Amino acid sequence: MVLLARNWWAFVLRGVLAILFGIFTFLRPGMALMTLILVFGFYAIFEGVLNVVAAFRRTGEADQQPWWALLIEGILSIVAGLFALFIPGLTAFVLLYIIAGWAIATGIMEIIAAIRLRHQIRGEWMLALLGVLSIALGILLALFPGAGALAVVLWIGAYAVVFGGLLIGLGMRLRRWARPEGHLPQSPRIAPGH
């Protein structure tokens, strides 16, 4: 069974958390950028841990999945989250560049995973689109870091909602793909004459 399909729930969970994070940023747009960065730190660490766990949950099967891409993405997410949480001396400006770098790096890993999976799953375009959205957010943050805290909060919030929706969609497709057709519940058959 495909590694990603077995871990469909992780995509759905990441998607739900991303949407909640995005909604939070819309409900509290006036919050300080530092608060947003702390929330980002916790989210990035949690997402990174999920990716690392998914990468190591391989069985003895000959999986052709890009487990190393999940591992790299997970490590990058954890490092970015730790920077955001434990180096408060960095200015918000520098932390925005860390978030931008994280978004670009994880976007590249997602595109690589989609390319590697294109012959194995349907809906890999969602994973590629996630990567493109991540790269776009990273580029926007890198090019316009002084756009104002409110604009940055809204960019990140919109990205999180769209990203979360795509993750949930991908997770549900993987869930359907993971179920073997032979194990679908069938109605009991009654033998003739009974």
N, C-alpha and C. Protein backbone atom coordinates (compact mmCIF):
# COMPACT_ATOMS: atom_id res chain seq x y z
N MET A 1 0.85 -1.18 0.00
CA MET A 1 0.00 0.00 0.00
C MET A 1 0.89 1.24 0.00
N VAL A 2 0.42 2.27 -0.62
CA VAL A 2 1.22 3.48 -0.77
C VAL A 2 1.35 4.20 0.56
N LEU A 3 2.56 4.67 0.85
CA LEU A 3 2.85 5.35 2.11
C LEU A 3 1.93 6.55 2.33
N LEU A 4 1.78 7.39 1.34
CA LEU A 4 0.95 8.58 1.52
C LEU A 4 -0.50 8.21 1.72
N ALA A 5 -0.98 7.19 1.02
CA ALA A 5 -2.38 6.79 1.17
C ALA A 5 -2.64 6.26 2.58
N ARG A 6 -1.68 5.56 3.15
CA ARG A 6 -1.85 5.05 4.51
C ARG A 6 -1.91 6.19 5.52
N ASN A 7 -1.30 7.31 5.19
CA ASN A 7 -1.27 8.44 6.11
C ASN A 7 -2.19 9.57 5.65
N TRP A 8 -3.30 9.23 5.00
CA TRP A 8 -4.24 10.22 4.50
C TRP A 8 -4.72 11.14 5.62
N TRP A 9 -4.88 10.59 6.81
CA TRP A 9 -5.39 11.35 7.94
C TRP A 9 -4.47 12.52 8.32
N ALA A 10 -3.17 12.34 8.08
CA ALA A 10 -2.23 13.42 8.41
C ALA A 10 -2.47 14.62 7.50
N PHE A 11 -2.79 14.38 6.23
CA PHE A 11 -3.11 15.48 5.32
C PHE A 11 -4.37 16.20 5.77
N VAL A 12 -5.39 15.42 6.16
CA VAL A 12 -6.65 16.02 6.61
C VAL A 12 -6.42 16.83 7.88
N LEU A 13 -5.67 16.27 8.83
CA LEU A 13 -5.39 16.98 10.08
C LEU A 13 -4.61 18.27 9.82
N ARG A 14 -3.60 18.19 8.97
CA ARG A 14 -2.84 19.40 8.62
C ARG A 14 -3.75 20.43 7.97
N GLY A 15 -4.67 19.95 7.11
CA GLY A 15 -5.59 20.86 6.44
C GLY A 15 -6.52 21.56 7.42
N VAL A 16 -7.06 20.80 8.37
CA VAL A 16 -7.96 21.39 9.37
C VAL A 16 -7.21 22.43 10.20
N LEU A 17 -5.98 22.09 10.62
CA LEU A 17 -5.19 23.04 11.41
C LEU A 17 -4.85 24.30 10.60
N ALA A 18 -4.54 24.13 9.32
CA ALA A 18 -4.24 25.29 8.48
C ALA A 18 -5.45 26.19 8.33
N ILE A 19 -6.64 25.60 8.13
CA ILE A 19 -7.86 26.40 8.00
C ILE A 19 -8.16 27.13 9.31
N LEU A 20 -8.02 26.43 10.44
CA LEU A 20 -8.24 27.09 11.73
C LEU A 20 -7.27 28.24 11.93
N PHE A 21 -6.02 28.02 11.57
CA PHE A 21 -5.01 29.08 11.65
C PHE A 21 -5.41 30.26 10.77
N GLY A 22 -5.84 29.98 9.53
CA GLY A 22 -6.25 31.05 8.62
C GLY A 22 -7.44 31.83 9.13
N ILE A 23 -8.45 31.12 9.67
CA ILE A 23 -9.63 31.78 10.23
C ILE A 23 -9.24 32.65 11.41
N PHE A 24 -8.33 32.13 12.25
CA PHE A 24 -7.85 32.90 13.39
C PHE A 24 -7.24 34.23 12.94
N THR A 25 -6.46 34.18 11.85
CA THR A 25 -5.83 35.42 11.39
C THR A 25 -6.86 36.41 10.85
N PHE A 26 -7.97 35.91 10.27
CA PHE A 26 -9.02 36.82 9.79
C PHE A 26 -9.85 37.39 10.93
N LEU A 27 -10.07 36.58 11.98
CA LEU A 27 -10.86 37.05 13.10
C LEU A 27 -10.09 38.04 13.97
N ARG A 28 -8.78 37.92 13.98
CA ARG A 28 -7.94 38.80 14.81
C ARG A 28 -6.88 39.49 13.95
N PRO A 29 -7.31 40.25 12.92
CA PRO A 29 -6.32 40.84 12.02
C PRO A 29 -5.45 41.91 12.67
N GLY A 30 -5.91 42.47 13.76
CA GLY A 30 -5.12 43.50 14.42
C GLY A 30 -4.08 42.96 15.38
N MET A 31 -3.96 41.65 15.46
CA MET A 31 -3.00 41.10 16.42
C MET A 31 -1.57 41.47 16.01
N ALA A 32 -0.73 41.46 16.96
CA ALA A 32 0.67 41.82 16.69
C ALA A 32 1.32 40.77 15.82
N LEU A 33 2.21 41.20 14.97
CA LEU A 33 2.94 40.29 14.10
C LEU A 33 3.70 39.24 14.91
N MET A 34 4.17 39.62 16.07
CA MET A 34 4.90 38.67 16.91
C MET A 34 4.00 37.52 17.33
N THR A 35 2.74 37.81 17.63
CA THR A 35 1.79 36.76 17.99
C THR A 35 1.60 35.82 16.80
N LEU A 36 1.46 36.39 15.62
CA LEU A 36 1.31 35.57 14.42
C LEU A 36 2.53 34.67 14.23
N ILE A 37 3.71 35.22 14.47
CA ILE A 37 4.93 34.44 14.29
C ILE A 37 5.00 33.30 15.31
N LEU A 38 4.54 33.55 16.54
CA LEU A 38 4.51 32.48 17.54
C LEU A 38 3.52 31.38 17.14
N VAL A 39 2.34 31.79 16.65
CA VAL A 39 1.37 30.80 16.19
C VAL A 39 1.95 30.02 15.02
N PHE A 40 2.63 30.72 14.11
CA PHE A 40 3.30 30.05 13.00
C PHE A 40 4.32 29.04 13.53
N GLY A 41 5.08 29.43 14.55
CA GLY A 41 6.09 28.54 15.11
C GLY A 41 5.50 27.22 15.59
N PHE A 42 4.40 27.30 16.32
CA PHE A 42 3.75 26.07 16.80
C PHE A 42 3.20 25.25 15.64
N TYR A 43 2.57 25.94 14.68
CA TYR A 43 2.01 25.23 13.52
C TYR A 43 3.13 24.54 12.73
N ALA A 44 4.22 25.24 12.46
CA ALA A 44 5.32 24.68 11.67
C ALA A 44 5.94 23.47 12.37
N ILE A 45 6.10 23.55 13.68
CA ILE A 45 6.67 22.42 14.41
C ILE A 45 5.72 21.22 14.34
N PHE A 46 4.43 21.45 14.55
CA PHE A 46 3.46 20.35 14.50
C PHE A 46 3.42 19.72 13.11
N GLU A 47 3.38 20.55 12.08
CA GLU A 47 3.38 20.03 10.71
C GLU A 47 4.66 19.26 10.43
N GLY A 48 5.78 19.79 10.89
CA GLY A 48 7.05 19.11 10.69
C GLY A 48 7.10 17.75 11.35
N VAL A 49 6.59 17.67 12.58
CA VAL A 49 6.56 16.39 13.29
C VAL A 49 5.69 15.39 12.53
N LEU A 50 4.53 15.84 12.03
CA LEU A 50 3.67 14.93 11.25
C LEU A 50 4.40 14.41 10.01
N ASN A 51 5.13 15.28 9.33
CA ASN A 51 5.86 14.85 8.14
C ASN A 51 6.98 13.87 8.47
N VAL A 52 7.70 14.13 9.55
CA VAL A 52 8.78 13.23 9.94
C VAL A 52 8.21 11.87 10.33
N VAL A 53 7.11 11.87 11.09
CA VAL A 53 6.48 10.60 11.47
C VAL A 53 6.03 9.85 10.22
N ALA A 54 5.40 10.56 9.27
CA ALA A 54 4.94 9.91 8.04
C ALA A 54 6.12 9.33 7.26
N ALA A 55 7.25 10.03 7.26
CA ALA A 55 8.43 9.54 6.53
C ALA A 55 8.98 8.27 7.16
N PHE A 56 8.91 8.15 8.48
CA PHE A 56 9.48 6.98 9.16
C PHE A 56 8.47 5.85 9.35
N ARG A 57 7.21 6.07 8.98
CA ARG A 57 6.21 5.02 9.14
C ARG A 57 6.20 4.09 7.93
N ARG A 58 7.31 3.89 7.36
CA ARG A 58 7.41 2.98 6.22
C ARG A 58 7.46 1.55 6.73
N THR A 59 6.92 0.66 5.92
CA THR A 59 6.99 -0.76 6.26
C THR A 59 8.08 -1.38 5.40
N GLY A 60 8.16 -2.68 5.43
CA GLY A 60 9.16 -3.38 4.63
C GLY A 60 8.80 -3.45 3.16
N GLU A 61 7.64 -2.91 2.78
CA GLU A 61 7.24 -2.94 1.38
C GLU A 61 8.18 -2.09 0.54
N ALA A 62 8.20 -2.39 -0.73
CA ALA A 62 9.06 -1.62 -1.64
C ALA A 62 8.32 -0.38 -2.09
N ASP A 63 8.19 0.57 -1.20
CA ASP A 63 7.51 1.83 -1.52
C ASP A 63 8.38 2.65 -2.46
N GLN A 64 7.74 3.30 -3.40
CA GLN A 64 8.45 4.19 -4.31
C GLN A 64 8.15 5.64 -3.97
N GLN A 65 7.60 5.88 -2.81
CA GLN A 65 7.21 7.22 -2.42
C GLN A 65 8.42 8.04 -2.01
N PRO A 66 8.31 9.34 -2.17
CA PRO A 66 9.42 10.22 -1.80
C PRO A 66 9.45 10.45 -0.28
N TRP A 67 9.74 9.41 0.48
CA TRP A 67 9.79 9.54 1.93
C TRP A 67 10.84 10.56 2.34
N TRP A 68 11.90 10.66 1.57
CA TRP A 68 12.96 11.61 1.91
C TRP A 68 12.47 13.04 1.75
N ALA A 69 11.54 13.28 0.80
CA ALA A 69 10.98 14.62 0.63
C ALA A 69 10.14 14.99 1.86
N LEU A 70 9.37 14.03 2.37
CA LEU A 70 8.60 14.27 3.59
C LEU A 70 9.54 14.55 4.77
N LEU A 71 10.62 13.81 4.84
CA LEU A 71 11.58 13.99 5.93
C LEU A 71 12.23 15.37 5.86
N ILE A 72 12.68 15.77 4.67
CA ILE A 72 13.31 17.09 4.52
C ILE A 72 12.32 18.19 4.83
N GLU A 73 11.08 18.07 4.28
CA GLU A 73 10.06 19.07 4.54
C GLU A 73 9.77 19.16 6.03
N GLY A 74 9.70 17.99 6.69
CA GLY A 74 9.44 17.98 8.13
C GLY A 74 10.55 18.65 8.93
N ILE A 75 11.79 18.35 8.59
CA ILE A 75 12.92 18.95 9.30
C ILE A 75 12.95 20.47 9.09
N LEU A 76 12.72 20.91 7.84
CA LEU A 76 12.68 22.35 7.56
C LEU A 76 11.58 23.04 8.35
N SER A 77 10.40 22.40 8.44
CA SER A 77 9.30 22.98 9.19
C SER A 77 9.64 23.09 10.67
N ILE A 78 10.23 22.04 11.23
CA ILE A 78 10.60 22.06 12.65
C ILE A 78 11.63 23.14 12.92
N VAL A 79 12.63 23.24 12.07
CA VAL A 79 13.68 24.27 12.26
C VAL A 79 13.09 25.67 12.18
N ALA A 80 12.22 25.91 11.17
CA ALA A 80 11.60 27.23 11.03
C ALA A 80 10.74 27.54 12.26
N GLY A 81 9.99 26.54 12.74
CA GLY A 81 9.18 26.75 13.93
C GLY A 81 10.01 27.05 15.17
N LEU A 82 11.12 26.34 15.32
CA LEU A 82 11.99 26.59 16.47
C LEU A 82 12.62 27.97 16.42
N PHE A 83 13.02 28.41 15.23
CA PHE A 83 13.54 29.78 15.09
C PHE A 83 12.49 30.79 15.54
N ALA A 84 11.26 30.58 15.08
CA ALA A 84 10.19 31.53 15.42
C ALA A 84 9.92 31.56 16.92
N LEU A 85 10.01 30.41 17.59
CA LEU A 85 9.67 30.34 19.01
C LEU A 85 10.81 30.70 19.95
N PHE A 86 12.04 30.30 19.60
CA PHE A 86 13.11 30.37 20.59
C PHE A 86 14.19 31.41 20.32
N ILE A 87 14.01 32.19 19.29
CA ILE A 87 14.98 33.27 19.08
C ILE A 87 14.21 34.59 19.02
N PRO A 88 13.72 35.02 20.18
CA PRO A 88 12.91 36.23 20.21
C PRO A 88 13.71 37.50 19.91
N GLY A 89 15.02 37.39 19.95
CA GLY A 89 15.84 38.56 19.66
C GLY A 89 15.82 38.94 18.18
N LEU A 90 15.41 38.02 17.33
CA LEU A 90 15.31 38.34 15.91
C LEU A 90 14.16 39.32 15.70
N THR A 91 14.34 40.23 14.80
CA THR A 91 13.25 41.16 14.52
C THR A 91 12.18 40.46 13.71
N ALA A 92 10.99 41.03 13.71
CA ALA A 92 9.89 40.49 12.93
C ALA A 92 10.26 40.47 11.45
N PHE A 93 11.06 41.44 11.03
CA PHE A 93 11.49 41.52 9.63
C PHE A 93 12.31 40.28 9.25
N VAL A 94 13.26 39.89 10.09
CA VAL A 94 14.08 38.71 9.82
C VAL A 94 13.22 37.45 9.88
N LEU A 95 12.30 37.39 10.85
CA LEU A 95 11.43 36.23 10.96
C LEU A 95 10.52 36.08 9.73
N LEU A 96 10.13 37.21 9.14
CA LEU A 96 9.34 37.12 7.90
C LEU A 96 10.15 36.44 6.80
N TYR A 97 11.44 36.74 6.75
CA TYR A 97 12.29 36.07 5.76
C TYR A 97 12.44 34.57 6.07
N ILE A 98 12.47 34.23 7.34
CA ILE A 98 12.52 32.80 7.71
C ILE A 98 11.24 32.12 7.25
N ILE A 99 10.08 32.76 7.49
CA ILE A 99 8.81 32.19 7.04
C ILE A 99 8.79 32.09 5.52
N ALA A 100 9.30 33.12 4.83
CA ALA A 100 9.34 33.09 3.36
C ALA A 100 10.21 31.94 2.87
N GLY A 101 11.37 31.76 3.48
CA GLY A 101 12.26 30.66 3.09
C GLY A 101 11.62 29.31 3.35
N TRP A 102 10.94 29.17 4.49
CA TRP A 102 10.23 27.92 4.80
C TRP A 102 9.16 27.64 3.76
N ALA A 103 8.38 28.65 3.40
CA ALA A 103 7.31 28.46 2.42
C ALA A 103 7.88 28.03 1.06
N ILE A 104 8.95 28.66 0.63
CA ILE A 104 9.55 28.31 -0.66
C ILE A 104 10.13 26.89 -0.62
N ALA A 105 10.87 26.57 0.44
CA ALA A 105 11.48 25.24 0.53
C ALA A 105 10.43 24.14 0.61
N THR A 106 9.39 24.31 1.42
CA THR A 106 8.36 23.28 1.50
C THR A 106 7.57 23.19 0.19
N GLY A 107 7.40 24.32 -0.47
CA GLY A 107 6.72 24.30 -1.77
C GLY A 107 7.49 23.48 -2.79
N ILE A 108 8.79 23.63 -2.81
CA ILE A 108 9.62 22.85 -3.73
C ILE A 108 9.51 21.37 -3.41
N MET A 109 9.54 21.02 -2.12
CA MET A 109 9.42 19.60 -1.73
C MET A 109 8.06 19.03 -2.14
N GLU A 110 6.99 19.83 -2.01
CA GLU A 110 5.66 19.35 -2.41
C GLU A 110 5.57 19.14 -3.91
N ILE A 111 6.18 20.01 -4.69
CA ILE A 111 6.18 19.84 -6.14
C ILE A 111 6.97 18.59 -6.53
N ILE A 112 8.11 18.39 -5.88
CA ILE A 112 8.90 17.18 -6.15
C ILE A 112 8.08 15.93 -5.83
N ALA A 113 7.39 15.94 -4.70
CA ALA A 113 6.56 14.79 -4.32
C ALA A 113 5.46 14.57 -5.35
N ALA A 114 4.83 15.63 -5.82
CA ALA A 114 3.76 15.48 -6.82
C ALA A 114 4.29 14.89 -8.12
N ILE A 115 5.46 15.33 -8.54
CA ILE A 115 6.05 14.80 -9.78
C ILE A 115 6.38 13.32 -9.61
N ARG A 116 6.92 12.96 -8.47
CA ARG A 116 7.27 11.55 -8.24
C ARG A 116 6.04 10.66 -8.12
N LEU A 117 4.91 11.23 -7.69
CA LEU A 117 3.70 10.44 -7.47
C LEU A 117 2.73 10.47 -8.64
N ARG A 118 3.04 11.17 -9.71
CA ARG A 118 2.06 11.39 -10.78
C ARG A 118 1.57 10.10 -11.43
N HIS A 119 2.35 9.02 -11.40
CA HIS A 119 1.91 7.76 -11.99
C HIS A 119 1.31 6.82 -10.95
N GLN A 120 1.32 7.22 -9.68
CA GLN A 120 0.87 6.32 -8.63
C GLN A 120 -0.47 6.73 -8.01
N ILE A 121 -0.80 8.01 -8.02
CA ILE A 121 -2.07 8.44 -7.43
C ILE A 121 -2.77 9.40 -8.38
N ARG A 122 -4.08 9.49 -8.20
CA ARG A 122 -4.84 10.52 -8.89
C ARG A 122 -4.93 11.71 -7.96
N GLY A 123 -4.98 12.89 -8.52
CA GLY A 123 -5.08 14.09 -7.70
C GLY A 123 -3.74 14.64 -7.26
N GLU A 124 -2.67 14.16 -7.87
CA GLU A 124 -1.35 14.67 -7.49
C GLU A 124 -1.22 16.15 -7.81
N TRP A 125 -2.08 16.64 -8.71
CA TRP A 125 -2.06 18.06 -9.06
C TRP A 125 -2.35 18.92 -7.83
N MET A 126 -3.12 18.38 -6.85
CA MET A 126 -3.39 19.14 -5.63
C MET A 126 -2.11 19.35 -4.84
N LEU A 127 -1.28 18.32 -4.79
CA LEU A 127 0.00 18.44 -4.08
C LEU A 127 0.90 19.44 -4.80
N ALA A 128 0.90 19.41 -6.13
CA ALA A 128 1.68 20.37 -6.90
C ALA A 128 1.15 21.79 -6.68
N LEU A 129 -0.18 21.94 -6.64
CA LEU A 129 -0.76 23.26 -6.41
C LEU A 129 -0.42 23.77 -5.02
N LEU A 130 -0.39 22.88 -4.02
CA LEU A 130 0.04 23.27 -2.69
C LEU A 130 1.46 23.84 -2.74
N GLY A 131 2.31 23.16 -3.50
CA GLY A 131 3.69 23.63 -3.64
C GLY A 131 3.77 24.99 -4.30
N VAL A 132 3.00 25.18 -5.35
CA VAL A 132 3.00 26.47 -6.05
C VAL A 132 2.50 27.58 -5.11
N LEU A 133 1.43 27.30 -4.36
CA LEU A 133 0.92 28.30 -3.41
C LEU A 133 1.95 28.63 -2.34
N SER A 134 2.65 27.61 -1.84
CA SER A 134 3.69 27.85 -0.83
C SER A 134 4.80 28.73 -1.38
N ILE A 135 5.23 28.43 -2.60
CA ILE A 135 6.30 29.22 -3.22
C ILE A 135 5.82 30.65 -3.45
N ALA A 136 4.57 30.80 -3.91
CA ALA A 136 4.03 32.15 -4.16
C ALA A 136 3.99 32.96 -2.87
N LEU A 137 3.54 32.34 -1.77
CA LEU A 137 3.53 33.05 -0.49
C LEU A 137 4.94 33.46 -0.09
N GLY A 138 5.88 32.53 -0.21
CA GLY A 138 7.27 32.84 0.15
C GLY A 138 7.83 34.00 -0.66
N ILE A 139 7.54 34.01 -1.96
CA ILE A 139 8.03 35.09 -2.83
C ILE A 139 7.37 36.42 -2.44
N LEU A 140 6.05 36.40 -2.19
CA LEU A 140 5.37 37.63 -1.78
C LEU A 140 5.96 38.19 -0.49
N LEU A 141 6.19 37.32 0.49
CA LEU A 141 6.76 37.78 1.75
C LEU A 141 8.18 38.31 1.57
N ALA A 142 8.95 37.64 0.71
CA ALA A 142 10.34 38.08 0.49
C ALA A 142 10.40 39.40 -0.27
N LEU A 143 9.51 39.58 -1.25
CA LEU A 143 9.54 40.79 -2.07
C LEU A 143 8.92 42.00 -1.38
N PHE A 144 7.93 41.75 -0.52
CA PHE A 144 7.21 42.86 0.12
C PHE A 144 7.17 42.72 1.63
N PRO A 145 8.33 42.64 2.29
CA PRO A 145 8.32 42.44 3.74
C PRO A 145 7.81 43.66 4.49
N GLY A 146 7.90 44.81 3.89
CA GLY A 146 7.45 46.03 4.56
C GLY A 146 6.03 46.42 4.21
N ALA A 147 5.26 45.49 3.68
CA ALA A 147 3.90 45.81 3.24
C ALA A 147 2.98 46.11 4.41
N GLY A 148 3.43 45.93 5.58
CA GLY A 148 2.60 46.19 6.75
C GLY A 148 2.16 44.90 7.40
N ALA A 149 2.11 44.92 8.71
CA ALA A 149 1.78 43.71 9.45
C ALA A 149 0.39 43.20 9.10
N LEU A 150 -0.57 44.09 8.92
CA LEU A 150 -1.93 43.66 8.62
C LEU A 150 -2.00 42.96 7.27
N ALA A 151 -1.32 43.51 6.27
CA ALA A 151 -1.33 42.89 4.94
C ALA A 151 -0.67 41.51 5.01
N VAL A 152 0.42 41.40 5.72
CA VAL A 152 1.12 40.12 5.85
C VAL A 152 0.23 39.10 6.56
N VAL A 153 -0.45 39.52 7.61
CA VAL A 153 -1.36 38.63 8.34
C VAL A 153 -2.45 38.13 7.39
N LEU A 154 -3.03 39.01 6.59
CA LEU A 154 -4.10 38.61 5.68
C LEU A 154 -3.58 37.69 4.57
N TRP A 155 -2.38 37.95 4.05
CA TRP A 155 -1.77 37.05 3.04
C TRP A 155 -1.62 35.65 3.63
N ILE A 156 -1.05 35.60 4.82
CA ILE A 156 -0.80 34.30 5.44
C ILE A 156 -2.12 33.61 5.77
N GLY A 157 -3.10 34.36 6.24
CA GLY A 157 -4.40 33.78 6.55
C GLY A 157 -5.09 33.21 5.32
N ALA A 158 -5.08 33.97 4.21
CA ALA A 158 -5.70 33.49 2.97
C ALA A 158 -4.97 32.25 2.46
N TYR A 159 -3.66 32.29 2.51
CA TYR A 159 -2.86 31.13 2.09
C TYR A 159 -3.22 29.91 2.94
N ALA A 160 -3.32 30.08 4.25
CA ALA A 160 -3.59 28.95 5.14
C ALA A 160 -4.95 28.32 4.85
N VAL A 161 -5.97 29.15 4.57
CA VAL A 161 -7.30 28.61 4.29
C VAL A 161 -7.30 27.81 2.98
N VAL A 162 -6.72 28.39 1.92
CA VAL A 162 -6.67 27.68 0.63
C VAL A 162 -5.81 26.43 0.75
N PHE A 163 -4.65 26.55 1.38
CA PHE A 163 -3.74 25.43 1.58
C PHE A 163 -4.44 24.32 2.36
N GLY A 164 -5.15 24.68 3.42
CA GLY A 164 -5.86 23.70 4.23
C GLY A 164 -6.94 22.98 3.45
N GLY A 165 -7.69 23.73 2.64
CA GLY A 165 -8.73 23.10 1.83
C GLY A 165 -8.15 22.10 0.84
N LEU A 166 -7.04 22.47 0.22
CA LEU A 166 -6.39 21.55 -0.72
C LEU A 166 -5.82 20.33 0.00
N LEU A 167 -5.27 20.52 1.19
CA LEU A 167 -4.76 19.37 1.95
C LEU A 167 -5.89 18.41 2.32
N ILE A 168 -7.02 18.95 2.74
CA ILE A 168 -8.16 18.08 3.08
C ILE A 168 -8.63 17.33 1.84
N GLY A 169 -8.73 18.04 0.70
CA GLY A 169 -9.13 17.38 -0.55
C GLY A 169 -8.17 16.27 -0.93
N LEU A 170 -6.88 16.53 -0.83
CA LEU A 170 -5.87 15.53 -1.15
C LEU A 170 -5.97 14.35 -0.19
N GLY A 171 -6.13 14.64 1.11
CA GLY A 171 -6.25 13.57 2.09
C GLY A 171 -7.45 12.68 1.82
N MET A 172 -8.58 13.27 1.45
CA MET A 172 -9.77 12.46 1.17
C MET A 172 -9.59 11.62 -0.09
N ARG A 173 -8.90 12.15 -1.09
CA ARG A 173 -8.59 11.35 -2.28
C ARG A 173 -7.68 10.19 -1.94
N LEU A 174 -6.68 10.45 -1.12
CA LEU A 174 -5.77 9.39 -0.70
C LEU A 174 -6.51 8.33 0.11
N ARG A 175 -7.46 8.75 0.92
CA ARG A 175 -8.25 7.80 1.71
C ARG A 175 -9.03 6.86 0.79
N ARG A 176 -9.69 7.42 -0.21
CA ARG A 176 -10.43 6.58 -1.16
C ARG A 176 -9.49 5.66 -1.91
N TRP A 177 -8.32 6.16 -2.26
CA TRP A 177 -7.36 5.37 -3.02
C TRP A 177 -6.78 4.24 -2.19
N ALA A 178 -6.66 4.46 -0.88
CA ALA A 178 -6.03 3.47 0.00
C ALA A 178 -6.94 2.27 0.26
N ARG A 179 -8.25 2.45 0.16
CA ARG A 179 -9.17 1.34 0.44
C ARG A 179 -9.16 0.37 -0.72
N PRO A 180 -8.76 -0.87 -0.47
CA PRO A 180 -8.80 -1.86 -1.55
C PRO A 180 -10.24 -2.15 -1.93
N GLU A 181 -10.50 -2.23 -3.24
CA GLU A 181 -11.86 -2.45 -3.73
C GLU A 181 -12.44 -3.77 -3.23
N GLY A 182 -11.60 -4.74 -3.01
CA GLY A 182 -12.08 -6.04 -2.56
C GLY A 182 -12.58 -6.06 -1.13
N HIS A 183 -12.31 -5.01 -0.36
CA HIS A 183 -12.71 -5.00 1.04
C HIS A 183 -13.91 -4.11 1.30
N LEU A 184 -14.59 -3.67 0.23
CA LEU A 184 -15.78 -2.86 0.44
C LEU A 184 -16.89 -3.74 1.01
N PRO A 185 -17.67 -3.21 1.93
CA PRO A 185 -18.74 -4.03 2.51
C PRO A 185 -19.77 -4.40 1.45
N GLN A 186 -20.19 -5.66 1.48
CA GLN A 186 -21.18 -6.14 0.53
C GLN A 186 -22.36 -6.68 1.31
N SER A 187 -23.53 -6.68 0.66
CA SER A 187 -24.71 -7.23 1.33
C SER A 187 -24.58 -8.74 1.37
N PRO A 188 -25.11 -9.37 2.43
CA PRO A 188 -25.00 -10.82 2.54
C PRO A 188 -25.81 -11.50 1.43
N ARG A 189 -25.26 -12.56 0.92
CA ARG A 189 -25.94 -13.32 -0.13
C ARG A 189 -26.68 -14.50 0.51
N ILE A 190 -27.87 -14.73 0.02
CA ILE A 190 -28.66 -15.85 0.53
C ILE A 190 -28.59 -16.97 -0.49
N ALA A 191 -28.23 -18.14 -0.01
CA ALA A 191 -28.10 -19.29 -0.90
C ALA A 191 -29.49 -19.69 -1.40
N PRO A 192 -29.58 -20.19 -2.65
CA PRO A 192 -30.89 -20.60 -3.18
C PRO A 192 -31.51 -21.68 -2.30
N GLY A 193 -32.80 -21.58 -2.13
CA GLY A 193 -33.52 -22.58 -1.36
C GLY A 193 -33.58 -22.27 0.13
N HIS A 194 -33.00 -21.18 0.59
CA HIS A 194 -33.04 -20.85 2.01
C HIS A 194 -33.98 -19.71 2.27
